[in-house]
N, C-alpha and C. Protein backbone atom coordinates (compact mmCIF):
# COMPACT_ATOMS: atom_id res chain seq x y z
N MET A 1 170.70 142.03 -50.28
CA MET A 1 169.50 141.36 -49.82
C MET A 1 169.78 139.87 -49.58
N LEU A 2 170.51 139.25 -50.51
CA LEU A 2 170.81 137.83 -50.35
C LEU A 2 171.63 137.56 -49.10
N VAL A 3 172.54 138.45 -48.80
CA VAL A 3 173.38 138.27 -47.61
C VAL A 3 172.52 138.33 -46.36
N THR A 4 171.60 139.25 -46.30
CA THR A 4 170.72 139.38 -45.15
C THR A 4 169.87 138.13 -44.97
N VAL A 5 169.31 137.63 -46.05
CA VAL A 5 168.49 136.42 -45.99
C VAL A 5 169.34 135.24 -45.56
N TRP A 6 170.53 135.11 -46.13
CA TRP A 6 171.41 133.99 -45.80
C TRP A 6 171.80 134.01 -44.32
N LEU A 7 172.16 135.19 -43.80
CA LEU A 7 172.52 135.31 -42.39
C LEU A 7 171.34 135.00 -41.48
N THR A 8 170.17 135.46 -41.84
CA THR A 8 168.97 135.18 -41.05
C THR A 8 168.68 133.69 -40.99
N ILE A 9 168.77 133.02 -42.13
CA ILE A 9 168.54 131.58 -42.18
C ILE A 9 169.57 130.85 -41.33
N ASN A 10 170.83 131.24 -41.44
CA ASN A 10 171.88 130.60 -40.62
C ASN A 10 171.62 130.78 -39.13
N GLU A 11 171.18 131.95 -38.74
CA GLU A 11 170.89 132.20 -37.32
C GLU A 11 169.71 131.36 -36.86
N LEU A 12 168.69 131.22 -37.69
CA LEU A 12 167.54 130.38 -37.33
C LEU A 12 167.96 128.92 -37.16
N ILE A 13 168.82 128.45 -38.04
CA ILE A 13 169.33 127.08 -37.93
C ILE A 13 170.12 126.93 -36.63
N SER A 14 170.93 127.91 -36.31
CA SER A 14 171.72 127.88 -35.09
C SER A 14 170.82 127.82 -33.85
N VAL A 15 169.77 128.60 -33.85
CA VAL A 15 168.82 128.59 -32.73
C VAL A 15 168.19 127.21 -32.61
N MET A 16 167.80 126.62 -33.73
CA MET A 16 167.19 125.29 -33.72
C MET A 16 168.18 124.26 -33.15
N GLU A 17 169.44 124.33 -33.57
CA GLU A 17 170.46 123.40 -33.08
C GLU A 17 170.69 123.58 -31.59
N ASN A 18 170.72 124.81 -31.11
CA ASN A 18 170.91 125.07 -29.69
C ASN A 18 169.73 124.58 -28.87
N LEU A 19 168.52 124.75 -29.37
CA LEU A 19 167.35 124.23 -28.68
C LEU A 19 167.41 122.71 -28.58
N ALA A 20 167.84 122.07 -29.65
CA ALA A 20 167.97 120.60 -29.63
C ALA A 20 169.04 120.18 -28.62
N ALA A 21 170.11 120.95 -28.50
CA ALA A 21 171.19 120.60 -27.58
C ALA A 21 170.75 120.66 -26.12
N ILE A 22 169.80 121.52 -25.79
CA ILE A 22 169.34 121.62 -24.40
C ILE A 22 168.11 120.76 -24.14
N GLY A 23 167.67 120.02 -25.15
CA GLY A 23 166.61 119.06 -24.94
C GLY A 23 165.20 119.50 -25.31
N VAL A 24 165.06 120.64 -25.94
CA VAL A 24 163.74 121.08 -26.39
C VAL A 24 163.36 120.25 -27.61
N PRO A 25 162.11 119.76 -27.64
CA PRO A 25 161.70 118.97 -28.80
C PRO A 25 161.92 119.75 -30.09
N GLY A 26 162.44 119.07 -31.08
CA GLY A 26 162.83 119.74 -32.31
C GLY A 26 161.71 119.89 -33.32
N PHE A 27 162.03 120.56 -34.36
CA PHE A 27 161.14 120.78 -35.48
C PHE A 27 161.89 120.33 -36.73
N PRO A 28 162.01 119.02 -36.95
CA PRO A 28 162.85 118.53 -38.05
C PRO A 28 162.39 119.02 -39.42
N ARG A 29 161.11 119.16 -39.61
CA ARG A 29 160.62 119.63 -40.91
C ARG A 29 161.06 121.07 -41.15
N LEU A 30 160.94 121.92 -40.13
CA LEU A 30 161.36 123.31 -40.26
C LEU A 30 162.86 123.40 -40.49
N GLN A 31 163.62 122.55 -39.82
CA GLN A 31 165.07 122.57 -39.99
C GLN A 31 165.45 122.16 -41.42
N ARG A 32 164.78 121.17 -41.99
CA ARG A 32 165.06 120.77 -43.38
C ARG A 32 164.72 121.91 -44.34
N ILE A 33 163.62 122.59 -44.09
CA ILE A 33 163.23 123.72 -44.95
C ILE A 33 164.28 124.83 -44.88
N LEU A 34 164.75 125.14 -43.67
CA LEU A 34 165.75 126.19 -43.52
C LEU A 34 167.06 125.82 -44.21
N ARG A 35 167.47 124.56 -44.11
CA ARG A 35 168.70 124.14 -44.78
C ARG A 35 168.55 124.22 -46.29
N ARG A 36 167.39 123.85 -46.80
CA ARG A 36 167.15 123.94 -48.24
C ARG A 36 167.18 125.40 -48.69
N LEU A 37 166.57 126.28 -47.92
CA LEU A 37 166.60 127.71 -48.24
C LEU A 37 168.02 128.24 -48.23
N ARG A 38 168.82 127.81 -47.25
CA ARG A 38 170.21 128.27 -47.17
C ARG A 38 170.98 127.84 -48.42
N ARG A 39 170.78 126.61 -48.86
CA ARG A 39 171.46 126.14 -50.07
C ARG A 39 171.00 126.93 -51.29
N THR A 40 169.70 127.19 -51.37
CA THR A 40 169.17 127.95 -52.50
C THR A 40 169.75 129.35 -52.56
N VAL A 41 169.80 130.02 -51.41
CA VAL A 41 170.36 131.37 -51.36
C VAL A 41 171.84 131.33 -51.72
N ALA A 42 172.57 130.34 -51.21
CA ALA A 42 173.99 130.23 -51.53
C ALA A 42 174.19 129.98 -53.02
N ASP A 43 173.34 129.15 -53.62
CA ASP A 43 173.44 128.90 -55.06
C ASP A 43 173.15 130.16 -55.87
N GLU A 44 172.17 130.92 -55.44
CA GLU A 44 171.81 132.16 -56.15
C GLU A 44 172.93 133.19 -56.07
N SER A 45 173.61 133.24 -54.93
CA SER A 45 174.66 134.25 -54.76
C SER A 45 176.00 133.78 -55.31
N GLY A 46 176.10 132.49 -55.62
CA GLY A 46 177.36 131.95 -56.12
C GLY A 46 178.33 131.58 -55.03
N ALA A 47 177.90 131.68 -53.79
CA ALA A 47 178.76 131.34 -52.65
C ALA A 47 178.64 129.86 -52.34
N SER A 48 179.69 129.32 -51.73
CA SER A 48 179.62 127.92 -51.31
C SER A 48 179.10 127.87 -49.88
N ASP A 49 178.43 126.78 -49.56
CA ASP A 49 177.87 126.60 -48.23
C ASP A 49 178.89 125.86 -47.38
N GLU A 50 179.58 126.59 -46.50
CA GLU A 50 180.67 126.03 -45.73
C GLU A 50 180.22 125.06 -44.65
N LYS A 51 179.03 125.25 -44.12
CA LYS A 51 178.57 124.48 -42.98
C LYS A 51 177.62 123.36 -43.40
N GLU A 52 177.78 122.85 -44.57
CA GLU A 52 176.94 121.78 -45.08
C GLU A 52 177.14 120.51 -44.27
N GLU A 53 176.05 119.87 -43.89
CA GLU A 53 176.12 118.66 -43.07
C GLU A 53 175.60 117.49 -43.82
């Protein structure tokens, strides 16, 4: 379950980054929430977050 949630969060972050790259107005609050969720899931699973910015 944690893997599924982690992958989903990563994909959502990727979509947000791609939208920002093509000039669509961003959602910085949503992006911060997704990054926090990704860290939380990684901490719960014991995995390290490789794409930390």
